[in-house]
Amino acid sequence: MDEIADKLANVADNANGLIVQVKGEIEGISSKARTLQGNLNTVTGPSNQRRIQAILDHANELVATEGPKIDRISDQVIALTRHADDTVQNVNGTVTDVREPARKDLAELQKALQQAKQLLDDLQTEVRANNYKIDDTVENLRTATDNLDQLTDSLKQRPWSLLRIKQPPDRKVPQ
């Protein structure tokens, strides 16, 4: 029994210390609650209540006056969205319709370009192979041009040589 009494006395002493500690913390919480209540009273005081009421009244008035306009704008946006969807569908269909012929045309164009490239390569090979002949041809053209120049000069000086081989005798001056 004495042991139980000692333990109860020990528990009572610890409980007193705990009660003192809790009381201190409760006073701190209570002080903070009073500060919060004071702040709330300031915020929710009559002047702030009037301001909040004015803001709410203005918001209600704004919703009432601008609501129909917002509804019209919403309807127009919905109609525009539907129109845009139709337009996108039309463009998509057009692109789909044009895609295959365009691909075929591009394939044919690519084939024609490859053939043209091959033709140019063949032509270059032929020109390189006949380069000496081209030089001879150019030299012959030069010679022919010189001969034509000489013939032209000769005809200018003696035009009668086209008709006669010999030069006609000089005319006798009448006496």
N, C-alpha and C. Protein backbone atom coordinates (compact mmCIF):
# COMPACT_ATOMS: atom_id res chain seq x y z
N MET A 1 0.81 -1.19 0.00
CA MET A 1 0.00 0.00 0.00
C MET A 1 0.85 1.25 0.00
N ASP A 2 1.90 1.19 0.86
CA ASP A 2 2.78 2.34 0.93
C ASP A 2 3.40 2.63 -0.45
N GLU A 3 3.70 1.58 -1.16
CA GLU A 3 4.28 1.76 -2.50
C GLU A 3 3.28 2.41 -3.44
N ILE A 4 2.07 2.00 -3.37
CA ILE A 4 1.02 2.57 -4.24
C ILE A 4 0.82 4.02 -3.87
N ALA A 5 0.83 4.34 -2.57
CA ALA A 5 0.65 5.73 -2.12
C ALA A 5 1.81 6.58 -2.63
N ASP A 6 3.05 6.02 -2.58
CA ASP A 6 4.22 6.75 -3.07
C ASP A 6 4.10 7.00 -4.58
N LYS A 7 3.64 5.99 -5.27
CA LYS A 7 3.50 6.14 -6.72
C LYS A 7 2.42 7.16 -7.05
N LEU A 8 1.31 7.15 -6.29
CA LEU A 8 0.25 8.13 -6.52
C LEU A 8 0.75 9.54 -6.21
N ALA A 9 1.54 9.70 -5.16
CA ALA A 9 2.10 11.01 -4.82
C ALA A 9 3.04 11.47 -5.93
N ASN A 10 3.80 10.55 -6.46
CA ASN A 10 4.73 10.85 -7.56
C ASN A 10 3.95 11.27 -8.79
N VAL A 11 2.87 10.56 -9.09
CA VAL A 11 2.03 10.89 -10.26
C VAL A 11 1.39 12.24 -10.03
N ALA A 12 0.93 12.53 -8.82
CA ALA A 12 0.31 13.83 -8.51
C ALA A 12 1.31 14.95 -8.70
N ASP A 13 2.57 14.76 -8.28
CA ASP A 13 3.60 15.79 -8.46
C ASP A 13 3.86 16.03 -9.95
N ASN A 14 3.95 14.95 -10.71
CA ASN A 14 4.17 15.07 -12.16
C ASN A 14 2.97 15.72 -12.82
N ALA A 15 1.76 15.41 -12.33
CA ALA A 15 0.55 16.00 -12.90
C ALA A 15 0.52 17.48 -12.63
N ASN A 16 0.95 17.92 -11.46
CA ASN A 16 0.99 19.36 -11.16
C ASN A 16 1.95 20.08 -12.12
N GLY A 17 3.10 19.50 -12.38
CA GLY A 17 4.06 20.11 -13.32
C GLY A 17 3.49 20.16 -14.74
N LEU A 18 2.82 19.10 -15.10
CA LEU A 18 2.22 19.03 -16.42
C LEU A 18 1.10 20.05 -16.54
N ILE A 19 0.31 20.20 -15.48
CA ILE A 19 -0.78 21.17 -15.50
C ILE A 19 -0.22 22.57 -15.62
N VAL A 20 0.85 22.89 -14.94
CA VAL A 20 1.49 24.21 -15.03
C VAL A 20 1.98 24.45 -16.46
N GLN A 21 2.61 23.45 -17.05
CA GLN A 21 3.13 23.58 -18.42
C GLN A 21 1.98 23.78 -19.41
N VAL A 22 0.90 23.01 -19.30
CA VAL A 22 -0.24 23.13 -20.19
C VAL A 22 -0.90 24.48 -20.02
N LYS A 23 -0.97 24.95 -18.78
CA LYS A 23 -1.57 26.26 -18.50
C LYS A 23 -0.79 27.36 -19.21
N GLY A 24 0.53 27.26 -19.21
CA GLY A 24 1.35 28.26 -19.92
C GLY A 24 1.10 28.24 -21.42
N GLU A 25 1.01 27.04 -21.97
CA GLU A 25 0.78 26.93 -23.41
C GLU A 25 -0.62 27.40 -23.78
N ILE A 26 -1.60 27.11 -22.90
CA ILE A 26 -2.97 27.56 -23.16
C ILE A 26 -3.03 29.07 -23.13
N GLU A 27 -2.29 29.69 -22.22
CA GLU A 27 -2.27 31.16 -22.16
C GLU A 27 -1.67 31.73 -23.45
N GLY A 28 -0.62 31.09 -24.01
CA GLY A 28 -0.03 31.55 -25.28
C GLY A 28 -1.02 31.42 -26.43
N ILE A 29 -1.70 30.27 -26.48
CA ILE A 29 -2.71 30.05 -27.52
C ILE A 29 -3.84 31.03 -27.36
N SER A 30 -4.25 31.24 -26.11
CA SER A 30 -5.33 32.17 -25.82
C SER A 30 -4.95 33.58 -26.24
N SER A 31 -3.70 33.98 -26.00
CA SER A 31 -3.23 35.31 -26.40
C SER A 31 -3.28 35.46 -27.93
N LYS A 32 -2.83 34.42 -28.62
CA LYS A 32 -2.85 34.46 -30.09
C LYS A 32 -4.28 34.47 -30.62
N ALA A 33 -5.17 33.76 -29.95
CA ALA A 33 -6.58 33.75 -30.34
C ALA A 33 -7.19 35.12 -30.15
N ARG A 34 -6.82 35.81 -29.06
CA ARG A 34 -7.33 37.16 -28.83
C ARG A 34 -6.84 38.12 -29.92
N THR A 35 -5.56 37.97 -30.31
CA THR A 35 -5.01 38.81 -31.39
C THR A 35 -5.75 38.53 -32.69
N LEU A 36 -5.98 37.25 -32.98
CA LEU A 36 -6.71 36.88 -34.19
C LEU A 36 -8.11 37.45 -34.15
N GLN A 37 -8.78 37.36 -32.98
CA GLN A 37 -10.13 37.89 -32.86
C GLN A 37 -10.12 39.40 -33.07
N GLY A 38 -9.11 40.08 -32.56
CA GLY A 38 -9.01 41.54 -32.77
C GLY A 38 -8.82 41.87 -34.24
N ASN A 39 -7.96 41.11 -34.90
CA ASN A 39 -7.75 41.34 -36.33
C ASN A 39 -9.02 41.07 -37.12
N LEU A 40 -9.73 40.00 -36.75
CA LEU A 40 -10.99 39.69 -37.44
C LEU A 40 -12.02 40.78 -37.20
N ASN A 41 -12.06 41.29 -35.98
CA ASN A 41 -12.99 42.37 -35.70
C ASN A 41 -12.65 43.61 -36.53
N THR A 42 -11.36 43.87 -36.70
CA THR A 42 -10.95 45.02 -37.52
C THR A 42 -11.36 44.80 -38.97
N VAL A 43 -11.07 43.60 -39.48
CA VAL A 43 -11.38 43.31 -40.88
C VAL A 43 -12.88 43.28 -41.10
N THR A 44 -13.60 42.71 -40.16
CA THR A 44 -15.05 42.60 -40.34
C THR A 44 -15.81 43.73 -39.65
N GLY A 45 -15.09 44.79 -39.36
CA GLY A 45 -15.75 45.94 -38.74
C GLY A 45 -16.73 46.58 -39.70
N PRO A 46 -17.54 47.52 -39.21
CA PRO A 46 -18.58 48.14 -40.03
C PRO A 46 -18.06 48.77 -41.32
N SER A 47 -16.90 49.47 -41.28
CA SER A 47 -16.42 50.13 -42.51
C SER A 47 -16.02 49.09 -43.56
N ASN A 48 -15.33 48.04 -43.10
CA ASN A 48 -14.93 46.99 -44.05
C ASN A 48 -16.15 46.20 -44.54
N GLN A 49 -17.11 46.00 -43.65
CA GLN A 49 -18.33 45.32 -44.06
C GLN A 49 -19.04 46.11 -45.16
N ARG A 50 -19.06 47.45 -45.01
CA ARG A 50 -19.69 48.28 -46.05
C ARG A 50 -18.91 48.16 -47.37
N ARG A 51 -17.58 48.16 -47.29
CA ARG A 51 -16.75 48.02 -48.50
C ARG A 51 -17.00 46.66 -49.17
N ILE A 52 -16.99 45.61 -48.38
CA ILE A 52 -17.22 44.28 -48.93
C ILE A 52 -18.61 44.20 -49.55
N GLN A 53 -19.61 44.80 -48.88
CA GLN A 53 -20.97 44.81 -49.41
C GLN A 53 -21.02 45.59 -50.72
N ALA A 54 -20.27 46.72 -50.79
CA ALA A 54 -20.25 47.51 -52.02
C ALA A 54 -19.61 46.71 -53.16
N ILE A 55 -18.53 45.99 -52.86
CA ILE A 55 -17.87 45.16 -53.87
C ILE A 55 -18.82 44.08 -54.36
N LEU A 56 -19.51 43.42 -53.41
CA LEU A 56 -20.45 42.36 -53.80
C LEU A 56 -21.61 42.93 -54.61
N ASP A 57 -22.12 44.12 -54.21
CA ASP A 57 -23.21 44.75 -54.97
C ASP A 57 -22.76 45.08 -56.38
N HIS A 58 -21.52 45.62 -56.49
CA HIS A 58 -20.99 45.98 -57.82
C HIS A 58 -20.82 44.71 -58.68
N ALA A 59 -20.33 43.63 -58.07
CA ALA A 59 -20.16 42.37 -58.81
C ALA A 59 -21.51 41.85 -59.28
N ASN A 60 -22.53 41.92 -58.41
CA ASN A 60 -23.87 41.48 -58.82
C ASN A 60 -24.41 42.33 -59.96
N GLU A 61 -24.21 43.63 -59.86
CA GLU A 61 -24.68 44.54 -60.92
C GLU A 61 -23.95 44.26 -62.23
N LEU A 62 -22.65 44.04 -62.14
CA LEU A 62 -21.85 43.75 -63.33
C LEU A 62 -22.32 42.46 -64.00
N VAL A 63 -22.56 41.43 -63.20
CA VAL A 63 -23.04 40.16 -63.75
C VAL A 63 -24.41 40.36 -64.39
N ALA A 64 -25.27 41.16 -63.73
CA ALA A 64 -26.61 41.37 -64.27
C ALA A 64 -26.58 42.14 -65.58
N THR A 65 -25.74 43.16 -65.69
CA THR A 65 -25.72 43.97 -66.92
C THR A 65 -24.90 43.33 -68.02
N GLU A 66 -23.81 42.69 -67.65
CA GLU A 66 -22.92 42.13 -68.66
C GLU A 66 -23.23 40.67 -68.98
N GLY A 67 -24.09 40.03 -68.24
CA GLY A 67 -24.43 38.63 -68.48
C GLY A 67 -24.94 38.37 -69.88
N PRO A 68 -25.91 39.17 -70.37
CA PRO A 68 -26.39 38.92 -71.74
C PRO A 68 -25.29 39.10 -72.80
N LYS A 69 -24.43 40.10 -72.57
CA LYS A 69 -23.32 40.29 -73.53
C LYS A 69 -22.39 39.09 -73.52
N ILE A 70 -22.11 38.60 -72.33
CA ILE A 70 -21.23 37.43 -72.22
C ILE A 70 -21.89 36.23 -72.88
N ASP A 71 -23.21 36.09 -72.71
CA ASP A 71 -23.92 34.99 -73.37
C ASP A 71 -23.83 35.11 -74.88
N ARG A 72 -24.00 36.34 -75.43
CA ARG A 72 -23.90 36.54 -76.88
C ARG A 72 -22.50 36.22 -77.37
N ILE A 73 -21.51 36.70 -76.63
CA ILE A 73 -20.12 36.43 -77.02
C ILE A 73 -19.86 34.93 -77.00
N SER A 74 -20.37 34.26 -75.98
CA SER A 74 -20.18 32.80 -75.89
C SER A 74 -20.83 32.11 -77.08
N ASP A 75 -22.06 32.55 -77.45
CA ASP A 75 -22.74 31.96 -78.60
C ASP A 75 -21.94 32.20 -79.88
N GLN A 76 -21.40 33.42 -80.02
CA GLN A 76 -20.62 33.73 -81.22
C GLN A 76 -19.33 32.90 -81.27
N VAL A 77 -18.70 32.72 -80.11
CA VAL A 77 -17.48 31.91 -80.07
C VAL A 77 -17.80 30.46 -80.45
N ILE A 78 -18.93 29.96 -79.96
CA ILE A 78 -19.33 28.58 -80.30
C ILE A 78 -19.59 28.47 -81.80
N ALA A 79 -20.31 29.47 -82.37
CA ALA A 79 -20.59 29.44 -83.81
C ALA A 79 -19.29 29.53 -84.61
N LEU A 80 -18.39 30.40 -84.17
CA LEU A 80 -17.10 30.55 -84.85
C LEU A 80 -16.30 29.25 -84.77
N THR A 81 -16.35 28.61 -83.64
CA THR A 81 -15.64 27.33 -83.47
C THR A 81 -16.21 26.28 -84.43
N ARG A 82 -17.54 26.23 -84.54
CA ARG A 82 -18.15 25.28 -85.47
C ARG A 82 -17.73 25.58 -86.91
N HIS A 83 -17.75 26.89 -87.26
CA HIS A 83 -17.35 27.29 -88.61
C HIS A 83 -15.88 26.93 -88.86
N ALA A 84 -15.04 27.17 -87.84
CA ALA A 84 -13.62 26.83 -87.98
C ALA A 84 -13.45 25.32 -88.15
N ASP A 85 -14.24 24.54 -87.41
CA ASP A 85 -14.17 23.09 -87.56
C ASP A 85 -14.56 22.67 -88.97
N ASP A 86 -15.63 23.27 -89.51
CA ASP A 86 -16.05 22.96 -90.88
C ASP A 86 -14.95 23.33 -91.87
N THR A 87 -14.36 24.50 -91.66
CA THR A 87 -13.29 24.95 -92.56
C THR A 87 -12.11 24.00 -92.51
N VAL A 88 -11.73 23.60 -91.30
CA VAL A 88 -10.60 22.67 -91.15
C VAL A 88 -10.93 21.35 -91.84
N GLN A 89 -12.16 20.88 -91.70
CA GLN A 89 -12.55 19.64 -92.36
C GLN A 89 -12.48 19.78 -93.89
N ASN A 90 -12.93 20.93 -94.41
CA ASN A 90 -12.86 21.17 -95.85
C ASN A 90 -11.42 21.21 -96.33
N VAL A 91 -10.56 21.91 -95.58
CA VAL A 91 -9.14 22.00 -95.96
C VAL A 91 -8.51 20.62 -95.89
N ASN A 92 -8.85 19.88 -94.86
CA ASN A 92 -8.30 18.54 -94.73
C ASN A 92 -8.71 17.66 -95.90
N GLY A 93 -9.99 17.76 -96.30
CA GLY A 93 -10.46 16.99 -97.45
C GLY A 93 -9.76 17.40 -98.73
N THR A 94 -9.58 18.72 -98.91
CA THR A 94 -8.89 19.22 -100.11
C THR A 94 -7.45 18.73 -100.14
N VAL A 95 -6.78 18.81 -99.01
CA VAL A 95 -5.38 18.35 -98.95
C VAL A 95 -5.32 16.86 -99.27
N THR A 96 -6.25 16.12 -98.73
CA THR A 96 -6.27 14.68 -99.00
C THR A 96 -6.50 14.42 -100.49
N ASP A 97 -7.43 15.18 -101.11
CA ASP A 97 -7.71 14.99 -102.54
C ASP A 97 -6.52 15.37 -103.41
N VAL A 98 -5.78 16.39 -103.00
CA VAL A 98 -4.68 16.90 -103.83
C VAL A 98 -3.39 16.12 -103.57
N ARG A 99 -3.28 15.50 -102.44
CA ARG A 99 -2.03 14.86 -102.03
C ARG A 99 -1.57 13.80 -103.02
N GLU A 100 -2.43 12.87 -103.40
CA GLU A 100 -2.01 11.77 -104.27
C GLU A 100 -1.59 12.25 -105.66
N PRO A 101 -2.41 13.09 -106.34
CA PRO A 101 -1.94 13.59 -107.65
C PRO A 101 -0.63 14.38 -107.54
N ALA A 102 -0.49 15.14 -106.46
CA ALA A 102 0.75 15.91 -106.28
C ALA A 102 1.93 14.97 -106.11
N ARG A 103 1.74 13.90 -105.38
CA ARG A 103 2.82 12.92 -105.22
C ARG A 103 3.20 12.30 -106.56
N LYS A 104 2.19 11.96 -107.36
CA LYS A 104 2.46 11.38 -108.67
C LYS A 104 3.22 12.38 -109.54
N ASP A 105 2.77 13.66 -109.51
CA ASP A 105 3.45 14.68 -110.31
C ASP A 105 4.89 14.86 -109.86
N LEU A 106 5.10 14.85 -108.54
CA LEU A 106 6.47 14.99 -108.03
C LEU A 106 7.33 13.80 -108.42
N ALA A 107 6.76 12.60 -108.41
CA ALA A 107 7.52 11.42 -108.81
C ALA A 107 7.90 11.52 -110.29
N GLU A 108 6.94 11.96 -111.12
CA GLU A 108 7.23 12.12 -112.56
C GLU A 108 8.28 13.22 -112.78
N LEU A 109 8.17 14.30 -112.03
CA LEU A 109 9.15 15.38 -112.15
C LEU A 109 10.53 14.88 -111.75
N GLN A 110 10.59 14.11 -110.68
CA GLN A 110 11.88 13.57 -110.25
C GLN A 110 12.46 12.66 -111.33
N LYS A 111 11.61 11.84 -111.93
CA LYS A 111 12.06 10.95 -113.00
C LYS A 111 12.59 11.76 -114.19
N ALA A 112 11.85 12.83 -114.57
CA ALA A 112 12.28 13.68 -115.69
C ALA A 112 13.62 14.37 -115.37
N LEU A 113 13.78 14.81 -114.13
CA LEU A 113 15.04 15.44 -113.74
C LEU A 113 16.19 14.45 -113.80
N GLN A 114 15.95 13.22 -113.39
CA GLN A 114 17.00 12.20 -113.47
C GLN A 114 17.36 11.91 -114.93
N GLN A 115 16.35 11.86 -115.80
CA GLN A 115 16.62 11.64 -117.23
C GLN A 115 17.40 12.81 -117.81
N ALA A 116 17.04 14.04 -117.42
CA ALA A 116 17.75 15.22 -117.91
C ALA A 116 19.20 15.20 -117.43
N LYS A 117 19.39 14.81 -116.18
CA LYS A 117 20.76 14.73 -115.64
C LYS A 117 21.56 13.69 -116.41
N GLN A 118 20.94 12.54 -116.69
CA GLN A 118 21.62 11.50 -117.45
C GLN A 118 21.97 11.99 -118.86
N LEU A 119 21.02 12.72 -119.48
CA LEU A 119 21.27 13.26 -120.81
C LEU A 119 22.44 14.24 -120.80
N LEU A 120 22.47 15.11 -119.78
CA LEU A 120 23.59 16.06 -119.68
C LEU A 120 24.91 15.33 -119.44
N ASP A 121 24.89 14.29 -118.63
CA ASP A 121 26.11 13.52 -118.40
C ASP A 121 26.58 12.87 -119.71
N ASP A 122 25.64 12.30 -120.46
CA ASP A 122 25.99 11.69 -121.75
C ASP A 122 26.54 12.72 -122.72
N LEU A 123 25.90 13.89 -122.74
CA LEU A 123 26.35 14.96 -123.63
C LEU A 123 27.75 15.42 -123.26
N GLN A 124 28.03 15.55 -121.96
CA GLN A 124 29.37 15.94 -121.52
C GLN A 124 30.40 14.89 -121.93
N THR A 125 30.04 13.64 -121.78
CA THR A 125 30.95 12.56 -122.18
C THR A 125 31.23 12.62 -123.68
N GLU A 126 30.19 12.86 -124.46
CA GLU A 126 30.34 12.95 -125.92
C GLU A 126 31.20 14.15 -126.30
N VAL A 127 30.97 15.28 -125.64
CA VAL A 127 31.76 16.48 -125.95
C VAL A 127 33.22 16.25 -125.60
N ARG A 128 33.48 15.62 -124.46
CA ARG A 128 34.88 15.33 -124.08
C ARG A 128 35.53 14.37 -125.07
N ALA A 129 34.76 13.38 -125.51
CA ALA A 129 35.30 12.40 -126.45
C ALA A 129 35.60 13.04 -127.80
N ASN A 130 34.83 14.04 -128.21
CA ASN A 130 35.00 14.67 -129.52
C ASN A 130 35.63 16.06 -129.41
N ASN A 131 36.33 16.32 -128.35
CA ASN A 131 36.93 17.63 -128.12
C ASN A 131 37.91 18.00 -129.25
N TYR A 132 38.71 17.04 -129.67
CA TYR A 132 39.67 17.34 -130.74
C TYR A 132 38.93 17.68 -132.04
N LYS A 133 37.79 17.01 -132.29
CA LYS A 133 37.02 17.30 -133.49
C LYS A 133 36.43 18.70 -133.42
N ILE A 134 36.02 19.10 -132.22
CA ILE A 134 35.48 20.46 -132.06
C ILE A 134 36.55 21.49 -132.34
N ASP A 135 37.77 21.21 -131.85
CA ASP A 135 38.88 22.14 -132.12
C ASP A 135 39.14 22.24 -133.62
N ASP A 136 39.12 21.07 -134.31
CA ASP A 136 39.32 21.08 -135.77
C ASP A 136 38.20 21.85 -136.45
N THR A 137 36.97 21.65 -136.00
CA THR A 137 35.82 22.33 -136.61
C THR A 137 35.94 23.83 -136.42
N VAL A 138 36.32 24.25 -135.23
CA VAL A 138 36.49 25.69 -134.97
C VAL A 138 37.59 26.25 -135.86
N GLU A 139 38.68 25.53 -136.02
CA GLU A 139 39.77 26.00 -136.87
C GLU A 139 39.32 26.07 -138.34
N ASN A 140 38.54 25.08 -138.79
CA ASN A 140 38.01 25.10 -140.15
C ASN A 140 37.06 26.28 -140.33
N LEU A 141 36.23 26.55 -139.33
CA LEU A 141 35.33 27.71 -139.42
C LEU A 141 36.13 29.01 -139.51
N ARG A 142 37.22 29.10 -138.77
CA ARG A 142 38.07 30.29 -138.84
C ARG A 142 38.66 30.46 -140.25
N THR A 143 39.14 29.35 -140.78
CA THR A 143 39.72 29.38 -142.13
C THR A 143 38.66 29.77 -143.15
N ALA A 144 37.45 29.18 -143.02
CA ALA A 144 36.37 29.49 -143.95
C ALA A 144 35.98 30.96 -143.83
N THR A 145 35.98 31.48 -142.61
CA THR A 145 35.65 32.90 -142.41
C THR A 145 36.71 33.78 -143.07
N ASP A 146 37.98 33.42 -142.91
CA ASP A 146 39.05 34.19 -143.57
C ASP A 146 38.89 34.13 -145.09
N ASN A 147 38.57 32.94 -145.61
CA ASN A 147 38.39 32.80 -147.06
C ASN A 147 37.21 33.65 -147.54
N LEU A 148 36.12 33.65 -146.77
CA LEU A 148 34.97 34.47 -147.14
C LEU A 148 35.31 35.96 -147.11
N ASP A 149 36.11 36.35 -146.10
CA ASP A 149 36.55 37.75 -146.04
C ASP A 149 37.37 38.11 -147.28
N GLN A 150 38.27 37.22 -147.68
CA GLN A 150 39.08 37.48 -148.88
C GLN A 150 38.20 37.55 -150.13
N LEU A 151 37.23 36.63 -150.25
CA LEU A 151 36.34 36.63 -151.40
C LEU A 151 35.54 37.92 -151.43
N THR A 152 35.05 38.35 -150.26
CA THR A 152 34.27 39.59 -150.19
C THR A 152 35.13 40.77 -150.64
N ASP A 153 36.35 40.85 -150.12
CA ASP A 153 37.23 41.95 -150.53
C ASP A 153 37.51 41.91 -152.03
N SER A 154 37.73 40.69 -152.55
CA SER A 154 38.00 40.54 -153.98
C SER A 154 36.80 40.98 -154.81
N LEU A 155 35.58 40.62 -154.37
CA LEU A 155 34.37 41.01 -155.10
C LEU A 155 34.14 42.52 -155.02
N LYS A 156 34.50 43.09 -153.91
CA LYS A 156 34.36 44.54 -153.79
C LYS A 156 35.30 45.24 -154.76
N GLN A 157 36.50 44.69 -154.92
CA GLN A 157 37.46 45.33 -155.80
C GLN A 157 37.21 44.97 -157.27
N ARG A 158 36.78 43.78 -157.54
CA ARG A 158 36.56 43.34 -158.91
C ARG A 158 35.21 42.64 -159.01
N PRO A 159 34.13 43.34 -159.00
CA PRO A 159 32.82 42.71 -159.05
C PRO A 159 32.59 41.97 -160.36
N TRP A 160 33.22 42.36 -161.44
CA TRP A 160 33.04 41.72 -162.73
C TRP A 160 33.57 40.30 -162.75
N SER A 161 34.44 39.96 -161.76
CA SER A 161 35.04 38.63 -161.76
C SER A 161 34.01 37.52 -161.55
N LEU A 162 32.81 37.89 -161.08
CA LEU A 162 31.77 36.88 -160.95
C LEU A 162 31.28 36.42 -162.33
N LEU A 163 31.33 37.32 -163.32
CA LEU A 163 30.80 37.00 -164.64
C LEU A 163 31.88 36.59 -165.62
N ARG A 164 33.04 37.14 -165.50
CA ARG A 164 34.12 36.86 -166.46
C ARG A 164 35.35 36.40 -165.72
N ILE A 165 36.11 35.62 -166.42
CA ILE A 165 37.33 35.14 -165.82
C ILE A 165 38.43 36.17 -166.02
N LYS A 166 38.49 36.76 -167.17
CA LYS A 166 39.53 37.74 -167.46
C LYS A 166 38.99 39.12 -167.22
N GLN A 167 39.92 39.98 -166.95
CA GLN A 167 39.53 41.36 -166.76
C GLN A 167 39.26 41.98 -168.12
N PRO A 168 38.20 42.74 -168.22
CA PRO A 168 37.92 43.35 -169.52
C PRO A 168 38.99 44.39 -169.85
N PRO A 169 39.20 44.59 -171.10
CA PRO A 169 40.21 45.59 -171.47
C PRO A 169 39.73 46.98 -171.07
N ASP A 170 40.68 47.84 -170.83
CA ASP A 170 40.33 49.19 -170.44
C ASP A 170 39.61 49.87 -171.60
N ARG A 171 38.75 50.72 -171.34
CA ARG A 171 38.00 51.43 -172.36
C ARG A 171 38.89 52.49 -172.98
N LYS A 172 38.62 52.63 -174.19
CA LYS A 172 39.36 53.67 -174.89
C LYS A 172 38.62 54.96 -174.69
N VAL A 173 39.39 55.93 -174.46
CA VAL A 173 38.79 57.23 -174.24
C VAL A 173 38.41 57.79 -175.61
N PRO A 174 37.23 58.27 -175.81
CA PRO A 174 36.82 58.78 -177.10
C PRO A 174 37.63 60.06 -177.43
N GLN A 175 37.87 60.21 -178.67
CA GLN A 175 38.69 61.32 -179.10
C GLN A 175 37.91 62.40 -179.71
